[in-house]
C-alpha atoms as a PDB file:
ATOM      1  CA  MET A   1       0.000   0.000   0.000  1.00  0.00           C
ATOM      2  CA  ALA A   2       3.049   2.289   0.024  1.00  0.00           C
ATOM      3  CA  ALA A   3       4.727   1.277  -3.246  1.00  0.00           C
ATOM      4  CA  PRO A   4       5.138   4.130  -5.768  1.00  0.00           C
ATOM      5  CA  LEU A   5       1.711   5.352  -6.849  1.00  0.00           C
ATOM      6  CA  ARG A   6       1.348   5.036 -10.636  1.00  0.00           C
ATOM      7  CA  ARG A   7      -2.376   5.359 -11.372  1.00  0.00           C
ATOM      8  CA  VAL A   8      -5.182   6.598  -9.133  1.00  0.00           C
ATOM      9  CA  LEU A   9      -8.936   7.151  -9.373  1.00  0.00           C
ATOM     10  CA  MET A  10     -10.282  10.470  -8.042  1.00  0.00           C
ATOM     11  CA  ARG A  11     -13.473  12.571  -8.112  1.00  0.00           C
ATOM     12  CA  SER A  12     -13.480  16.356  -8.220  1.00  0.00           C
ATOM     13  CA  ALA A  13     -15.019  18.016  -5.162  1.00  0.00           C
ATOM     14  CA  ALA A  14     -16.104  20.849  -7.456  1.00  0.00           C
ATOM     15  CA  SER A  15     -18.647  18.547  -9.076  1.00  0.00           C
ATOM     16  CA  ALA A  16     -19.350  16.080  -6.260  1.00  0.00           C
ATOM     17  CA  MET A  17     -19.905  18.584  -3.451  1.00  0.00           C
ATOM     18  CA  ARG A  18     -21.272  21.703  -5.139  1.00  0.00           C
ATOM     19  CA  ARG A  19     -24.847  21.168  -3.833  1.00  0.00           C
ATOM     20  CA  ALA A  20     -24.071  19.145  -0.708  1.00  0.00           C
ATOM     21  CA  ASP A  21     -26.308  19.698   2.304  1.00  0.00           C
ATOM     22  CA  ARG A  22     -24.091  19.627   5.380  1.00  0.00           C
ATOM     23  CA  LYS A  23     -26.616  17.989   7.697  1.00  0.00           C
ATOM     24  CA  GLU A  24     -27.739  15.382   5.157  1.00  0.00           C
ATOM     25  CA  TRP A  25     -24.165  14.212   4.611  1.00  0.00           C
ATOM     26  CA  HIS A  26     -23.138  14.484   8.284  1.00  0.00           C
ATOM     27  CA  TYR A  27     -20.472  17.115   7.534  1.00  0.00           C
ATOM     28  CA  GLY A  28     -19.120  19.446  10.211  1.00  0.00           C
ATOM     29  CA  PRO A  29     -19.806  23.184  10.528  1.00  0.00           C
ATOM     30  CA  GLY A  30     -16.521  23.970   8.768  1.00  0.00           C
ATOM     31  CA  PHE A  31     -17.760  22.524   5.462  1.00  0.00           C
ATOM     32  CA  ASP A  32     -17.774  25.011   2.598  1.00  0.00           C
ATOM     33  CA  PRO A  33     -18.196  23.611  -0.935  1.00  0.00           C
ATOM     34  CA  ALA A  34     -16.170  26.314  -2.687  1.00  0.00           C
ATOM     35  CA  ARG A  35     -13.261  26.050  -0.242  1.00  0.00           C
ATOM     36  CA  ALA A  36     -13.485  22.256  -0.302  1.00  0.00           C
ATOM     37  CA  ALA A  37     -13.157  22.356  -4.097  1.00  0.00           C
ATOM     38  CA  ASP A  38     -10.083  24.607  -3.885  1.00  0.00           C
ATOM     39  CA  GLN A  39      -8.474  22.381  -1.263  1.00  0.00           C
ATOM     40  CA  HIS A  40      -9.182  19.256  -3.299  1.00  0.00           C
ATOM     41  CA  LYS A  41      -7.603  20.886  -6.357  1.00  0.00           C
ATOM     42  CA  ALA A  42      -4.437  21.605  -4.346  1.00  0.00           C
ATOM     43  CA  PHE A  43      -4.359  18.002  -3.131  1.00  0.00           C
ATOM     44  CA  ALA A  44      -4.821  16.632  -6.658  1.00  0.00           C
ATOM     45  CA  GLU A  45      -1.887  18.747  -7.835  1.00  0.00           C
ATOM     46  CA  LEU A  46       0.325  17.154  -5.155  1.00  0.00           C
ATOM     47  CA  VAL A  47      -0.790  13.677  -6.228  1.00  0.00           C
ATOM     48  CA  ALA A  48      -0.054  14.439  -9.883  1.00  0.00           C
ATOM     49  CA  ALA A  49       3.331  15.983  -8.981  1.00  0.00           C
ATOM     50  CA  SER A  50       4.311  12.660  -7.387  1.00  0.00           C
ATOM     51  CA  GLY A  51       4.204  11.113 -10.868  1.00  0.00           C
ATOM     52  CA  ALA A  52       0.837   9.369 -10.545  1.00  0.00           C
ATOM     53  CA  ALA A  53      -1.605   9.469 -13.446  1.00  0.00           C
ATOM     54  CA  VAL A  54      -4.943  10.750 -12.142  1.00  0.00           C
ATOM     55  CA  GLU A  55      -8.047   9.167 -13.655  1.00  0.00           C
ATOM     56  CA  TRP A  56     -11.207  11.206 -12.980  1.00  0.00           C
ATOM     57  CA  LEU A  57     -14.676   9.917 -12.229  1.00  0.00           C
ATOM     58  CA  THR A  58     -17.647  11.647 -13.813  1.00  0.00           C
ATOM     59  CA  ASP A  59     -18.140  15.415 -13.536  1.00  0.00           C
ATOM     60  CA  GLU A  60     -21.910  15.021 -13.697  1.00  0.00           C
ATOM     61  CA  ASP A  61     -23.936  17.042 -11.199  1.00  0.00           C
ATOM     62  CA  ASP A  62     -25.245  13.870  -9.554  1.00  0.00           C
ATOM     63  CA  GLY A  63     -25.372  15.085  -5.956  1.00  0.00           C
ATOM     64  CA  LEU A  64     -23.179  12.225  -4.680  1.00  0.00           C
ATOM     65  CA  ALA A  65     -21.089  14.351  -2.337  1.00  0.00           C
ATOM     66  CA  ASP A  66     -19.218  11.472  -0.679  1.00  0.00           C
ATOM     67  CA  SER A  67     -18.116  10.104  -4.051  1.00  0.00           C
ATOM     68  CA  VAL A  68     -15.118  12.428  -3.708  1.00  0.00           C
ATOM     69  CA  PHE A  69     -13.845   9.768  -1.272  1.00  0.00           C
ATOM     70  CA  THR A  70     -12.970   7.268  -3.986  1.00  0.00           C
ATOM     71  CA  HIS A  71     -11.118   4.863  -1.707  1.00  0.00           C
ATOM     72  CA  ASP A  72     -14.312   3.203  -0.489  1.00  0.00           C
ATOM     73  CA  PRO A  73     -16.476   1.863  -3.375  1.00  0.00           C
ATOM     74  CA  SER A  74     -13.873  -0.521  -4.866  1.00  0.00           C
ATOM     75  CA  LEU A  75     -10.709  -2.486  -4.137  1.00  0.00           C
ATOM     76  CA  VAL A  76      -7.997  -3.344  -6.664  1.00  0.00           C
ATOM     77  CA  THR A  77      -6.190  -6.695  -6.802  1.00  0.00           C
ATOM     78  CA  ASP A  78      -3.576  -8.055  -9.209  1.00  0.00           C
ATOM     79  CA  ARG A  79      -6.454  -9.660 -11.142  1.00  0.00           C
ATOM     80  CA  GLY A  80      -8.621  -6.560 -11.410  1.00  0.00           C
ATOM     81  CA  ALA A  81     -11.108  -4.530  -9.386  1.00  0.00           C
ATOM     82  CA  VAL A  82     -13.552  -5.765  -6.769  1.00  0.00           C
ATOM     83  CA  ILE A  83     -16.759  -3.700  -6.767  1.00  0.00           C
ATOM     84  CA  LEU A  84     -17.735  -3.197  -3.139  1.00  0.00           C
ATOM     85  CA  SER A  85     -21.062  -2.694  -1.328  1.00  0.00           C
ATOM     86  CA  MET A  86     -21.429   0.455   0.748  1.00  0.00           C
ATOM     87  CA  GLY A  87     -22.493   0.528   4.386  1.00  0.00           C
ATOM     88  CA  LYS A  88     -23.669   4.160   4.221  1.00  0.00           C
ATOM     89  CA  ALA A  89     -27.070   4.332   2.510  1.00  0.00           C
ATOM     90  CA  LEU A  90     -26.364   7.645   0.761  1.00  0.00           C
ATOM     91  CA  ARG A  91     -23.336   6.052  -0.908  1.00  0.00           C
ATOM     92  CA  LYS A  92     -25.111   3.039  -2.461  1.00  0.00           C
ATOM     93  CA  PRO A  93     -24.909   4.435  -6.060  1.00  0.00           C
ATOM     94  CA  GLU A  94     -21.140   4.990  -5.951  1.00  0.00           C
ATOM     95  CA  PRO A  95     -19.848   1.496  -6.856  1.00  0.00           C
ATOM     96  CA  ALA A  96     -21.603   1.823 -10.224  1.00  0.00           C
ATOM     97  CA  LEU A  97     -19.529   4.953 -10.934  1.00  0.00           C
ATOM     98  CA  HIS A  98     -16.373   2.961 -10.288  1.00  0.00           C
ATOM     99  CA  GLU A  99     -17.473   0.088 -12.497  1.00  0.00           C
ATOM    100  CA  LYS A 100     -18.097   2.519 -15.357  1.00  0.00           C
ATOM    101  CA  ALA A 101     -14.692   4.138 -14.819  1.00  0.00           C
ATOM    102  CA  TYR A 102     -12.882   0.786 -14.820  1.00  0.00           C
ATOM    103  CA  ALA A 103     -14.574  -0.147 -18.106  1.00  0.00           C
ATOM    104  CA  ARG A 104     -13.288   3.088 -19.618  1.00  0.00           C
ATOM    105  CA  MET A 105      -9.792   2.511 -18.182  1.00  0.00           C
ATOM    106  CA  GLY A 106      -9.552  -1.108 -19.363  1.00  0.00           C
ATOM    107  CA  VAL A 107      -9.380  -2.508 -15.815  1.00  0.00           C
ATOM    108  CA  PRO A 108     -11.188  -5.881 -15.541  1.00  0.00           C
ATOM    109  CA  ILE A 109     -13.769  -6.548 -12.836  1.00  0.00           C
ATOM    110  CA  PHE A 110     -12.510  -9.473 -10.766  1.00  0.00           C
ATOM    111  CA  GLY A 111     -15.552  -9.746  -8.507  1.00  0.00           C
ATOM    112  CA  ARG A 112     -18.113  -7.920  -6.422  1.00  0.00           C
ATOM    113  CA  ILE A 113     -19.555  -7.862  -2.920  1.00  0.00           C
ATOM    114  CA  GLU A 114     -23.318  -8.380  -2.996  1.00  0.00           C
ATOM    115  CA  ALA A 115     -26.015  -7.414  -0.453  1.00  0.00           C
ATOM    116  CA  PRO A 116     -26.517  -8.204   2.347  1.00  0.00           C
ATOM    117  CA  GLY A 117     -22.718  -8.155   2.396  1.00  0.00           C
ATOM    118  CA  GLN A 118     -21.085  -4.802   2.989  1.00  0.00           C
ATOM    119  CA  VAL A 119     -17.416  -3.894   2.575  1.00  0.00           C
ATOM    120  CA  GLU A 120     -15.971  -0.386   2.265  1.00  0.00           C
ATOM    121  CA  GLY A 121     -12.440   0.189   1.020  1.00  0.00           C
ATOM    122  CA  GLY A 122     -11.495   2.190   4.095  1.00  0.00           C
ATOM    123  CA  ASP A 123     -11.826  -0.995   6.139  1.00  0.00           C
ATOM    124  CA  CYS A 124      -9.342  -2.920   3.943  1.00  0.00           C
ATOM    125  CA  VAL A 125      -5.623  -2.970   4.719  1.00  0.00           C
ATOM    126  CA  TRP A 126      -3.130  -5.064   2.753  1.00  0.00           C
ATOM    127  CA  VAL A 127      -0.642  -6.290   5.359  1.00  0.00           C
ATOM    128  CA  ASP A 128       1.302  -7.931   2.532  1.00  0.00           C
ATOM    129  CA  ALA A 129       0.520  -9.406  -0.895  1.00  0.00           C
ATOM    130  CA  GLN A 130      -1.057 -12.522   0.644  1.00  0.00           C
ATOM    131  CA  THR A 131      -2.832 -10.977   3.655  1.00  0.00           C
ATOM    132  CA  LEU A 132      -5.818  -8.609   3.623  1.00  0.00           C
ATOM    133  CA  ALA A 133      -7.063  -7.295   6.973  1.00  0.00           C
ATOM    134  CA  ILE A 134     -10.659  -6.034   7.069  1.00  0.00           C
ATOM    135  CA  GLY A 135     -12.269  -4.050   9.875  1.00  0.00           C
ATOM    136  CA  ARG A 136     -15.715  -5.217  10.980  1.00  0.00           C
ATOM    137  CA  GLY A 137     -17.760  -2.202  12.085  1.00  0.00           C
ATOM    138  CA  VAL A 138     -20.646   0.052  11.120  1.00  0.00           C
ATOM    139  CA  ARG A 139     -19.659   0.150   7.415  1.00  0.00           C
ATOM    140  CA  THR A 140     -18.389  -3.416   6.830  1.00  0.00           C
ATOM    141  CA  ASN A 141     -20.174  -6.545   8.062  1.00  0.00           C
ATOM    142  CA  GLU A 142     -19.385 -10.231   8.532  1.00  0.00           C
ATOM    143  CA  ALA A 143     -21.286 -11.247   5.392  1.00  0.00           C
ATOM    144  CA  GLY A 144     -19.127  -8.926   3.302  1.00  0.00           C
ATOM    145  CA  ILE A 145     -15.909 -10.189   4.873  1.00  0.00           C
ATOM    146  CA  ARG A 146     -16.900 -13.791   4.149  1.00  0.00           C
ATOM    147  CA  GLN A 147     -17.646 -12.929   0.516  1.00  0.00           C
ATOM    148  CA  MET A 148     -14.253 -11.241   0.177  1.00  0.00           C
ATOM    149  CA  ALA A 149     -12.514 -14.256   1.740  1.00  0.00           C
ATOM    150  CA  ALA A 150     -14.218 -16.617  -0.718  1.00  0.00           C
ATOM    151  CA  LEU A 151     -13.319 -14.346  -3.628  1.00  0.00           C
ATOM    152  CA  LEU A 152      -9.631 -14.042  -2.748  1.00  0.00           C
ATOM    153  CA  GLU A 153      -8.952 -17.546  -1.406  1.00  0.00           C
ATOM    154  CA  PRO A 154      -8.289 -19.004  -4.914  1.00  0.00           C
ATOM    155  CA  LEU A 155      -5.539 -16.364  -5.288  1.00  0.00           C
ATOM    156  CA  GLY A 156      -3.834 -17.620  -2.137  1.00  0.00           C
ATOM    157  CA  ILE A 157      -4.839 -14.497  -0.212  1.00  0.00           C
ATOM    158  CA  GLU A 158      -5.872 -14.835   3.432  1.00  0.00           C
ATOM    159  CA  VAL A 159      -8.591 -12.455   4.642  1.00  0.00           C
ATOM    160  CA  LEU A 160      -8.607 -11.640   8.354  1.00  0.00           C
ATOM    161  CA  GLY A 161     -11.521  -9.808  10.010  1.00  0.00           C
ATOM    162  CA  TYR A 162     -11.082  -7.579  13.073  1.00  0.00           C
ATOM    163  CA  ASP A 163     -13.763  -5.948  15.228  1.00  0.00           C
ATOM    164  CA  LEU A 164     -13.725  -2.146  15.437  1.00  0.00           C
ATOM    165  CA  PRO A 165     -15.072  -0.047  18.339  1.00  0.00           C
ATOM    166  CA  LEU A 166     -18.190   2.070  17.839  1.00  0.00           C
ATOM    167  CA  TRP A 167     -16.217   5.187  18.840  1.00  0.00           C
ATOM    168  CA  HIS A 168     -18.387   8.264  17.995  1.00  0.00           C
ATOM    169  CA  GLY A 169     -21.484   6.300  16.972  1.00  0.00           C
ATOM    170  CA  GLU A 170     -23.202   4.881  13.912  1.00  0.00           C
ATOM    171  CA  GLU A 171     -23.344   8.173  11.999  1.00  0.00           C
ATOM    172  CA  ALA A 172     -19.623   8.765  12.342  1.00  0.00           C
ATOM    173  CA  CYS A 173     -17.131   6.755  10.328  1.00  0.00           C
ATOM    174  CA  LEU A 174     -14.418   4.703  11.993  1.00  0.00           C
ATOM    175  CA  HIS A 175     -12.782   2.558   9.332  1.00  0.00           C
ATOM    176  CA  LEU A 176      -9.828   0.277  10.010  1.00  0.00           C
ATOM    177  CA  MET A 177      -7.775   2.794   8.017  1.00  0.00           C
ATOM    178  CA  SER A 178      -8.880   5.490  10.469  1.00  0.00           C
ATOM    179  CA  VAL A 179      -6.347   4.017  12.899  1.00  0.00           C
ATOM    180  CA  ILE A 180      -3.539   2.888  10.567  1.00  0.00           C
ATOM    181  CA  SER A 181      -1.796   4.361   7.520  1.00  0.00           C
ATOM    182  CA  PRO A 182       0.973   2.305   5.876  1.00  0.00           C
ATOM    183  CA  LEU A 183       4.109   4.392   5.276  1.00  0.00           C
ATOM    184  CA  ALA A 184       6.280   1.610   3.792  1.00  0.00           C
ATOM    185  CA  ASP A 185       6.149  -2.194   3.680  1.00  0.00           C
ATOM    186  CA  ASP A 186       7.690  -2.304   7.160  1.00  0.00           C
ATOM    187  CA  LEU A 187       6.409   0.972   8.618  1.00  0.00           C
ATOM    188  CA  ALA A 188       2.957   2.268   9.576  1.00  0.00           C
ATOM    189  CA  LEU A 189       1.450   5.268  11.331  1.00  0.00           C
ATOM    190  CA  VAL A 190      -1.058   4.136  13.979  1.00  0.00           C
ATOM    191  CA  TYR A 191      -3.306   5.293  16.795  1.00  0.00           C
ATOM    192  CA  SER A 192      -2.898   2.237  18.972  1.00  0.00           C
ATOM    193  CA  PRO A 193      -5.674   2.933  21.546  1.00  0.00           C
ATOM    194  CA  LEU A 194      -8.282   2.180  18.836  1.00  0.00           C
ATOM    195  CA  LEU A 195      -6.384  -0.601  17.025  1.00  0.00           C
ATOM    196  CA  PRO A 196      -7.936  -4.065  17.407  1.00  0.00           C
ATOM    197  CA  ALA A 197      -5.564  -5.867  19.779  1.00  0.00           C
ATOM    198  CA  ALA A 198      -5.187  -8.937  17.567  1.00  0.00           C
ATOM    199  CA  PHE A 199      -4.398  -6.721  14.557  1.00  0.00           C
ATOM    200  CA  TYR A 200      -1.786  -4.843  16.589  1.00  0.00           C
ATOM    201  CA  GLN A 201      -0.194  -8.164  17.515  1.00  0.00           C
ATOM    202  CA  LEU A 202      -0.195  -9.301  13.880  1.00  0.00           C
ATOM    203  CA  LEU A 203       1.566  -6.121  12.756  1.00  0.00           C
ATOM    204  CA  LYS A 204       4.230  -6.556  15.427  1.00  0.00           C
ATOM    205  CA  ALA A 205       4.667 -10.240  14.558  1.00  0.00           C
ATOM    206  CA  ARG A 206       5.175  -9.324  10.884  1.00  0.00           C
ATOM    207  CA  GLY A 207       8.024  -6.985  11.849  1.00  0.00           C
ATOM    208  CA  ILE A 208       6.184  -3.761  10.985  1.00  0.00           C
ATOM    209  CA  THR A 209       7.480  -0.759  12.928  1.00  0.00           C
ATOM    210  CA  LEU A 210       4.627   1.316  14.332  1.00  0.00           C
ATOM    211  CA  VAL A 211       4.827   5.112  14.517  1.00  0.00           C
ATOM    212  CA  GLU A 212       2.396   6.488  17.099  1.00  0.00           C
ATOM    213  CA  GLY A 213       0.293   9.437  15.993  1.00  0.00           C
ATOM    214  CA  ASP A 214      -0.106  12.263  18.497  1.00  0.00           C
ATOM    215  CA  ALA A 215      -3.154  11.575  20.705  1.00  0.00           C
ATOM    216  CA  ASP A 216      -4.256  15.208  21.055  1.00  0.00           C
ATOM    217  CA  GLU A 217      -3.996  15.801  17.315  1.00  0.00           C
ATOM    218  CA  PHE A 218      -5.945  12.610  16.633  1.00  0.00           C
ATOM    219  CA  ARG A 219      -8.727  13.827  18.933  1.00  0.00           C
ATOM    220  CA  ASP A 220      -8.758  17.391  17.605  1.00  0.00           C
ATOM    221  CA  SER A 221      -8.803  16.249  13.954  1.00  0.00           C
ATOM    222  CA  PHE A 222     -11.464  13.546  14.455  1.00  0.00           C
ATOM    223  CA  GLY A 223      -8.774  11.076  13.391  1.00  0.00           C
ATOM    224  CA  LEU A 224      -7.762  12.861  10.182  1.00  0.00           C
ATOM    225  CA  SER A 225      -4.239  13.590  11.440  1.00  0.00           C
ATOM    226  CA  LEU A 226      -3.559   9.879  11.000  1.00  0.00           C
ATOM    227  CA  ASN A 227      -5.013   9.619   7.491  1.00  0.00           C
ATOM    228  CA  VAL A 228      -1.992  10.082   5.209  1.00  0.00           C
ATOM    229  CA  LEU A 229      -1.397   9.009   1.607  1.00  0.00           C
ATOM    230  CA  PRO A 230       1.917   7.364   0.696  1.00  0.00           C
ATOM    231  CA  THR A 231       2.912   8.234  -2.869  1.00  0.00           C
ATOM    232  CA  ALA A 232       6.089   6.145  -2.468  1.00  0.00           C
ATOM    233  CA  PRO A 233       7.787   4.404   0.466  1.00  0.00           C
ATOM    234  CA  ARG A 234       8.307   7.017   3.215  1.00  0.00           C
ATOM    235  CA  GLU A 235       6.877   9.826   1.041  1.00  0.00           C
ATOM    236  CA  VAL A 236       3.437  10.956   2.175  1.00  0.00           C
ATOM    237  CA  ILE A 237       0.780  13.638   1.770  1.00  0.00           C
ATOM    238  CA  ALA A 238      -0.959  14.711   4.981  1.00  0.00           C
ATOM    239  CA  VAL A 239      -3.477  17.275   6.197  1.00  0.00           C
ATOM    240  CA  ALA A 240      -1.818  20.500   7.397  1.00  0.00           C
ATOM    241  CA  GLY A 241      -2.001  21.618  10.997  1.00  0.00           C
ATOM    242  CA  PHE A 242      -0.771  18.555  12.907  1.00  0.00           C
ATOM    243  CA  PRO A 243       2.951  19.146  13.447  1.00  0.00           C
ATOM    244  CA  ASN A 244       3.527  16.524  16.133  1.00  0.00           C
ATOM    245  CA  THR A 245       2.227  13.697  13.932  1.00  0.00           C
ATOM    246  CA  ALA A 246       4.252  15.022  10.977  1.00  0.00           C
ATOM    247  CA  ALA A 247       7.350  15.195  13.183  1.00  0.00           C
ATOM    248  CA  ALA A 248       6.855  11.571  14.287  1.00  0.00           C
ATOM    249  CA  MET A 249       6.755  10.453  10.657  1.00  0.00           C
ATOM    250  CA  GLU A 250       9.808  12.571   9.793  1.00  0.00           C
ATOM    251  CA  ALA A 251      11.702  11.046  12.725  1.00  0.00           C
ATOM    252  CA  ALA A 252      10.972   7.645  11.161  1.00  0.00           C
ATOM    253  CA  GLY A 253      12.567   8.778   7.902  1.00  0.00           C
ATOM    254  CA  CYS A 254       9.506  10.034   6.026  1.00  0.00           C
ATOM    255  CA  LYS A 255       9.171  13.072   3.774  1.00  0.00           C
ATOM    256  CA  VAL A 256       5.859  14.784   4.576  1.00  0.00           C
ATOM    257  CA  GLN A 257       3.969  17.178   2.294  1.00  0.00           C
ATOM    258  CA  THR A 258       0.816  18.891   3.578  1.00  0.00           C
ATOM    259  CA  PHE A 259      -2.179  20.791   2.222  1.00  0.00           C
ATOM    260  CA  GLU A 260      -4.894  22.883   3.890  1.00  0.00           C
ATOM    261  CA  ALA A 261      -7.981  20.714   4.308  1.00  0.00           C
ATOM    262  CA  ASP A 262     -10.198  22.113   7.058  1.00  0.00           C
ATOM    263  CA  ALA A 263     -13.235  22.559   4.772  1.00  0.00           C
ATOM    264  CA  LEU A 264     -12.715  19.241   2.992  1.00  0.00           C
ATOM    265  CA  CYS A 265     -11.068  16.578   5.148  1.00  0.00           C
ATOM    266  CA  ILE A 266     -11.672  17.762   8.715  1.00  0.00           C
ATOM    267  CA  ALA A 267     -15.258  18.843   8.044  1.00  0.00           C
ATOM    268  CA  CYS A 268     -16.191  15.772   6.004  1.00  0.00           C
ATOM    269  CA  GLU A 269     -14.355  13.001   7.907  1.00  0.00           C
ATOM    270  CA  GLY A 270     -12.197  11.834   5.017  1.00  0.00           C
ATOM    271  CA  GLY A 271      -8.477  12.363   4.512  1.00  0.00           C
ATOM    272  CA  PRO A 272      -5.870  12.005   1.748  1.00  0.00           C
ATOM    273  CA  THR A 273      -6.167   8.207   1.641  1.00  0.00           C
ATOM    274  CA  CYS A 274      -9.971   8.427   1.425  1.00  0.00           C
ATOM    275  CA  LEU A 275      -9.733  10.876  -1.495  1.00  0.00           C
ATOM    276  CA  THR A 276      -7.873   8.320  -3.647  1.00  0.00           C
ATOM    277  CA  ARG A 277      -8.445   4.822  -5.022  1.00  0.00           C
ATOM    278  CA  PRO A 278      -4.999   3.538  -6.025  1.00  0.00           C
ATOM    279  CA  VAL A 279      -5.343   1.451  -9.192  1.00  0.00           C
ATOM    280  CA  LEU A 280      -1.654   0.720  -9.834  1.00  0.00           C
ATOM    281  CA  ARG A 281       1.363   0.833  -7.532  1.00  0.00           C
ATOM    282  CA  GLY A 282       4.876  -0.432  -8.007  1.00  0.00           C
END
């Protein structure tokens, strides 16, 4: 998940969020669609400057505000894309946007998660090429995890499910990737108080060094201080304003770039990782 980013699927906030109702989408009081669009544009420029080719979802005025968070509706394997099933009702139409984009891009569909199964991409963490960890919480259920396990087992991939805490309630979003961001194959940024204990033990057993995110910054950012996008091993893009977490990553040998994201990431509970669906790394 931290190999050099070559190709990535994104959705412009200018089109996705232009008519978004803050209360309907459970966004914070700092949400402003015009500022969110400007901040997303700055983020996209950083992604492109890393050398990644950005593939854009539709610019239709479809009212799907959360579709800007392209990490969640699909997962990409070596054999193609898996079309996921969303746990948030307002996001149910989004997987179809991804399927249409993959058809245009020439990416095959390897499989799909069907109702009543639910899996969101933010709950999926590749520990290595043969191990996929999935968080079981308010957005991803046991039926979805079992479907994913059956889908990936013929590829020799083990799927491991881990229970997540409720944290701020059903309307909030705590994904497994809310508490871990891979920084390199052997390095990850974590907020260990919310990590499933068995997952924490697995990471340690696999020899992955864990960098602790600052607890106060995690609280003040609603977890977004921990949500960073690796564009290459030890090269990451993070939300501005959380110097202690950035310093911890830099002390571990990482180069950290930041962008202002109060109206986009902090207000809408989705960070740099959420804003991208990596299609090709390596």
